[in-house]
Amino acid sequence: MKESKEPYVGWFLMGWVFLFLSLDEGAQFHELLISMVRSRIETTGLFYFAWMIPYMMLVILFIIVFIPFLKRLPGETRNLFILSGAIFLLGAVGMEMLGGLRAEAFGEDIYYGWIATLEETFEMVGMATFCYSLLRFIEIRQMSFSYQFGTTLSNKVS
């Protein structure tokens, strides 16, 4: 009897989500959405950075789709995934909304810079917590992996 591939689908999809997030962070695709969204609806205040509207819809969809996957995880892993996601979203959404309020009212001044720094800090702490949760999952499952960086000294000396 073949083992179900269902548990792997969640990991596979999560990998694609993280690939998209990393590409977006570098290429800033979300910035392209600002003028598109603003041309259709007026965005001010918390939604000054208009890209947040479609991305928040994607976050809600992601959460709904991944609930079954989360339910299958061990309790500690599930809780750490949720915690890391909450920390990340506090930065990516919460601080971005506060930054939008500040930028709209006063421009991108020093206080906006502090908010942006907090935003990035929360995102990085969320990602670090997620990395920790993955390593804990590997430990709990008593899985192992290895990776070798570069060439060893014995290969260089002949």
C-alpha atoms as a PDB file:
ATOM      1  CA  MET A   1       0.000   0.000   0.000  1.00  0.00           C
ATOM      2  CA  LYS A   2       1.373   3.390  -0.995  1.00  0.00           C
ATOM      3  CA  GLU A   3       1.809   6.105   1.645  1.00  0.00           C
ATOM      4  CA  SER A   4      -0.437   9.146   1.123  1.00  0.00           C
ATOM      5  CA  LYS A   5       1.262  12.128  -0.486  1.00  0.00           C
ATOM      6  CA  GLU A   6      -1.143  14.518   1.233  1.00  0.00           C
ATOM      7  CA  PRO A   7       1.257  15.488   4.078  1.00  0.00           C
ATOM      8  CA  TYR A   8       3.902  16.420   1.517  1.00  0.00           C
ATOM      9  CA  VAL A   9       1.567  18.720  -0.399  1.00  0.00           C
ATOM     10  CA  GLY A  10       1.496  21.196   2.518  1.00  0.00           C
ATOM     11  CA  TRP A  11       5.286  21.286   2.704  1.00  0.00           C
ATOM     12  CA  PHE A  12       5.546  21.665  -1.074  1.00  0.00           C
ATOM     13  CA  LEU A  13       3.051  24.546  -1.174  1.00  0.00           C
ATOM     14  CA  MET A  14       4.734  26.221   1.782  1.00  0.00           C
ATOM     15  CA  GLY A  15       8.019  26.047  -0.100  1.00  0.00           C
ATOM     16  CA  TRP A  16       6.435  27.865  -3.053  1.00  0.00           C
ATOM     17  CA  VAL A  17       4.999  30.525  -0.733  1.00  0.00           C
ATOM     18  CA  PHE A  18       8.431  31.162   0.778  1.00  0.00           C
ATOM     19  CA  LEU A  19      10.000  31.269  -2.673  1.00  0.00           C
ATOM     20  CA  PHE A  20       7.445  33.901  -3.723  1.00  0.00           C
ATOM     21  CA  LEU A  21       8.025  35.915  -0.518  1.00  0.00           C
ATOM     22  CA  SER A  22      11.788  35.901  -1.029  1.00  0.00           C
ATOM     23  CA  LEU A  23      11.468  36.930  -4.686  1.00  0.00           C
ATOM     24  CA  ASP A  24       8.993  39.655  -3.720  1.00  0.00           C
ATOM     25  CA  GLU A  25      11.323  40.948  -0.998  1.00  0.00           C
ATOM     26  CA  GLY A  26      14.122  41.291  -3.536  1.00  0.00           C
ATOM     27  CA  ALA A  27      12.189  42.442  -6.600  1.00  0.00           C
ATOM     28  CA  GLN A  28       9.476  44.330  -4.676  1.00  0.00           C
ATOM     29  CA  PHE A  29       6.594  43.106  -6.829  1.00  0.00           C
ATOM     30  CA  HIS A  30       4.218  44.397  -4.163  1.00  0.00           C
ATOM     31  CA  GLU A  31       5.288  47.994  -4.909  1.00  0.00           C
ATOM     32  CA  LEU A  32       3.944  47.585  -8.452  1.00  0.00           C
ATOM     33  CA  LEU A  33       0.486  46.941  -7.009  1.00  0.00           C
ATOM     34  CA  ILE A  34       0.239  50.338  -5.309  1.00  0.00           C
ATOM     35  CA  SER A  35      -0.714  52.300  -8.439  1.00  0.00           C
ATOM     36  CA  MET A  36      -2.957  49.486  -9.707  1.00  0.00           C
ATOM     37  CA  VAL A  37      -4.955  49.358  -6.476  1.00  0.00           C
ATOM     38  CA  ARG A  38      -5.033  53.150  -6.038  1.00  0.00           C
ATOM     39  CA  SER A  39      -6.438  53.552  -9.544  1.00  0.00           C
ATOM     40  CA  ARG A  40      -9.441  51.475  -8.488  1.00  0.00           C
ATOM     41  CA  ILE A  41     -10.009  52.509  -4.878  1.00  0.00           C
ATOM     42  CA  GLU A  42      -8.896  55.371  -2.672  1.00  0.00           C
ATOM     43  CA  THR A  43      -6.396  54.129  -0.124  1.00  0.00           C
ATOM     44  CA  THR A  44      -5.472  56.288   2.841  1.00  0.00           C
ATOM     45  CA  GLY A  45      -4.556  55.865   6.471  1.00  0.00           C
ATOM     46  CA  LEU A  46      -3.824  52.282   7.435  1.00  0.00           C
ATOM     47  CA  PHE A  47      -4.099  51.274   3.781  1.00  0.00           C
ATOM     48  CA  TYR A  48      -1.904  54.089   2.456  1.00  0.00           C
ATOM     49  CA  PHE A  49       0.392  51.402   1.057  1.00  0.00           C
ATOM     50  CA  ALA A  50      -2.281  49.944  -1.208  1.00  0.00           C
ATOM     51  CA  TRP A  51      -0.425  46.712  -1.996  1.00  0.00           C
ATOM     52  CA  MET A  52      -1.488  45.452   1.418  1.00  0.00           C
ATOM     53  CA  ILE A  53      -5.101  44.945   0.336  1.00  0.00           C
ATOM     54  CA  PRO A  54      -4.475  42.138  -2.214  1.00  0.00           C
ATOM     55  CA  TYR A  55      -1.705  40.670  -0.053  1.00  0.00           C
ATOM     56  CA  MET A  56      -3.973  40.541   2.999  1.00  0.00           C
ATOM     57  CA  MET A  57      -6.492  38.613   0.896  1.00  0.00           C
ATOM     58  CA  LEU A  58      -3.724  36.168  -0.023  1.00  0.00           C
ATOM     59  CA  VAL A  59      -2.765  35.803   3.653  1.00  0.00           C
ATOM     60  CA  ILE A  60      -6.371  34.953   4.560  1.00  0.00           C
ATOM     61  CA  LEU A  61      -6.509  32.402   1.718  1.00  0.00           C
ATOM     62  CA  PHE A  62      -3.163  30.937   2.838  1.00  0.00           C
ATOM     63  CA  ILE A  63      -4.421  30.537   6.412  1.00  0.00           C
ATOM     64  CA  ILE A  64      -7.652  28.838   5.282  1.00  0.00           C
ATOM     65  CA  VAL A  65      -5.824  26.454   2.934  1.00  0.00           C
ATOM     66  CA  PHE A  66      -3.170  25.561   5.518  1.00  0.00           C
ATOM     67  CA  ILE A  67      -5.463  24.879   8.495  1.00  0.00           C
ATOM     68  CA  PRO A  68      -5.686  21.131   7.694  1.00  0.00           C
ATOM     69  CA  PHE A  69      -1.897  20.985   7.267  1.00  0.00           C
ATOM     70  CA  LEU A  70      -1.368  22.740  10.615  1.00  0.00           C
ATOM     71  CA  LYS A  71      -3.776  20.358  12.364  1.00  0.00           C
ATOM     72  CA  ARG A  72      -1.641  17.379  11.299  1.00  0.00           C
ATOM     73  CA  LEU A  73       1.550  18.819  12.790  1.00  0.00           C
ATOM     74  CA  PRO A  74       2.747  17.946  16.297  1.00  0.00           C
ATOM     75  CA  GLY A  75       1.426  20.447  18.866  1.00  0.00           C
ATOM     76  CA  GLU A  76       4.751  22.148  19.554  1.00  0.00           C
ATOM     77  CA  THR A  77       5.512  22.539  15.852  1.00  0.00           C
ATOM     78  CA  ARG A  78       2.021  23.844  15.112  1.00  0.00           C
ATOM     79  CA  ASN A  79       2.254  26.385  17.940  1.00  0.00           C
ATOM     80  CA  LEU A  80       5.700  27.545  16.823  1.00  0.00           C
ATOM     81  CA  PHE A  81       4.501  27.866  13.208  1.00  0.00           C
ATOM     82  CA  ILE A  82       1.564  29.984  14.362  1.00  0.00           C
ATOM     83  CA  LEU A  83       3.796  32.085  16.637  1.00  0.00           C
ATOM     84  CA  SER A  84       6.362  32.672  13.885  1.00  0.00           C
ATOM     85  CA  GLY A  85       3.621  33.590  11.411  1.00  0.00           C
ATOM     86  CA  ALA A  86       2.041  36.001  13.900  1.00  0.00           C
ATOM     87  CA  ILE A  87       5.394  37.691  14.569  1.00  0.00           C
ATOM     88  CA  PHE A  88       6.100  37.960  10.834  1.00  0.00           C
ATOM     89  CA  LEU A  89       2.645  39.387  10.094  1.00  0.00           C
ATOM     90  CA  LEU A  90       2.939  41.851  12.977  1.00  0.00           C
ATOM     91  CA  GLY A  91       5.858  43.324  11.057  1.00  0.00           C
ATOM     92  CA  ALA A  92       4.732  42.822   7.465  1.00  0.00           C
ATOM     93  CA  VAL A  93       1.156  44.001   8.032  1.00  0.00           C
ATOM     94  CA  GLY A  94       0.930  45.737  11.410  1.00  0.00           C
ATOM     95  CA  MET A  95       4.047  47.881  11.187  1.00  0.00           C
ATOM     96  CA  GLU A  96       3.447  48.534   7.483  1.00  0.00           C
ATOM     97  CA  MET A  97      -0.008  49.912   8.359  1.00  0.00           C
ATOM     98  CA  LEU A  98       1.457  52.163  11.061  1.00  0.00           C
ATOM     99  CA  GLY A  99       4.154  53.226   8.620  1.00  0.00           C
ATOM    100  CA  GLY A 100       1.461  54.122   6.093  1.00  0.00           C
ATOM    101  CA  LEU A 101      -0.280  56.322   8.640  1.00  0.00           C
ATOM    102  CA  ARG A 102       2.981  58.083   9.413  1.00  0.00           C
ATOM    103  CA  ALA A 103       4.104  58.423   5.787  1.00  0.00           C
ATOM    104  CA  GLU A 104       0.759  59.858   4.695  1.00  0.00           C
ATOM    105  CA  ALA A 105       0.681  62.418   7.509  1.00  0.00           C
ATOM    106  CA  PHE A 106       4.347  63.478   7.708  1.00  0.00           C
ATOM    107  CA  GLY A 107       6.229  61.845   4.840  1.00  0.00           C
ATOM    108  CA  GLU A 108       9.019  59.371   5.290  1.00  0.00           C
ATOM    109  CA  ASP A 109      10.683  61.099   8.247  1.00  0.00           C
ATOM    110  CA  ILE A 110      12.860  59.658  11.011  1.00  0.00           C
ATOM    111  CA  TYR A 111       9.844  58.240  12.852  1.00  0.00           C
ATOM    112  CA  TYR A 112       8.741  56.469   9.686  1.00  0.00           C
ATOM    113  CA  GLY A 113      12.283  55.067   9.509  1.00  0.00           C
ATOM    114  CA  TRP A 114      11.940  53.684  13.036  1.00  0.00           C
ATOM    115  CA  ILE A 115       8.628  52.060  12.139  1.00  0.00           C
ATOM    116  CA  ALA A 116      10.194  50.549   8.996  1.00  0.00           C
ATOM    117  CA  THR A 117      13.071  49.225  11.112  1.00  0.00           C
ATOM    118  CA  LEU A 118      10.606  47.624  13.532  1.00  0.00           C
ATOM    119  CA  GLU A 119       8.762  46.144  10.556  1.00  0.00           C
ATOM    120  CA  GLU A 120      11.907  44.481   9.226  1.00  0.00           C
ATOM    121  CA  THR A 121      12.907  43.354  12.723  1.00  0.00           C
ATOM    122  CA  PHE A 122       9.569  41.613  13.311  1.00  0.00           C
ATOM    123  CA  GLU A 123       9.796  39.956   9.902  1.00  0.00           C
ATOM    124  CA  MET A 124      13.303  38.643  10.614  1.00  0.00           C
ATOM    125  CA  VAL A 125      12.416  37.460  14.136  1.00  0.00           C
ATOM    126  CA  GLY A 126       9.376  35.699  12.646  1.00  0.00           C
ATOM    127  CA  MET A 127      11.569  33.981  10.069  1.00  0.00           C
ATOM    128  CA  ALA A 128      14.170  33.018  12.676  1.00  0.00           C
ATOM    129  CA  THR A 129      11.415  31.566  14.875  1.00  0.00           C
ATOM    130  CA  PHE A 130      10.112  29.627  11.870  1.00  0.00           C
ATOM    131  CA  CYS A 131      13.614  28.240  11.185  1.00  0.00           C
ATOM    132  CA  TYR A 132      13.837  27.189  14.826  1.00  0.00           C
ATOM    133  CA  SER A 133      10.429  25.499  14.582  1.00  0.00           C
ATOM    134  CA  LEU A 134      11.580  23.541  11.511  1.00  0.00           C
ATOM    135  CA  LEU A 135      14.720  22.397  13.312  1.00  0.00           C
ATOM    136  CA  ARG A 136      12.635  21.381  16.356  1.00  0.00           C
ATOM    137  CA  PHE A 137      10.307  19.431  14.047  1.00  0.00           C
ATOM    138  CA  ILE A 138      13.297  17.564  12.610  1.00  0.00           C
ATOM    139  CA  GLU A 139      14.536  16.855  16.141  1.00  0.00           C
ATOM    140  CA  ILE A 140      11.104  15.675  17.377  1.00  0.00           C
ATOM    141  CA  ARG A 141      10.746  13.368  14.373  1.00  0.00           C
ATOM    142  CA  GLN A 142      14.313  12.157  14.970  1.00  0.00           C
ATOM    143  CA  MET A 143      15.103  12.924  11.370  1.00  0.00           C
ATOM    144  CA  SER A 144      18.581  13.790  10.246  1.00  0.00           C
ATOM    145  CA  PHE A 145      20.174  15.628   7.397  1.00  0.00           C
ATOM    146  CA  SER A 146      23.653  16.746   6.529  1.00  0.00           C
ATOM    147  CA  TYR A 147      25.152  19.309   4.264  1.00  0.00           C
ATOM    148  CA  GLN A 148      28.760  20.005   3.428  1.00  0.00           C
ATOM    149  CA  PHE A 149      29.926  23.510   2.600  1.00  0.00           C
ATOM    150  CA  GLY A 150      32.708  23.934   0.059  1.00  0.00           C
ATOM    151  CA  THR A 151      35.774  21.746  -0.146  1.00  0.00           C
ATOM    152  CA  THR A 152      37.478  20.137   2.783  1.00  0.00           C
ATOM    153  CA  LEU A 153      41.097  20.838   3.657  1.00  0.00           C
ATOM    154  CA  SER A 154      42.098  17.253   2.825  1.00  0.00           C
ATOM    155  CA  ASN A 155      40.828  17.750  -0.756  1.00  0.00           C
ATOM    156  CA  LYS A 156      42.935  20.886  -1.199  1.00  0.00           C
ATOM    157  CA  VAL A 157      46.216  19.392   0.019  1.00  0.00           C
ATOM    158  CA  SER A 158      47.653  16.804  -2.394  1.00  0.00           C
END
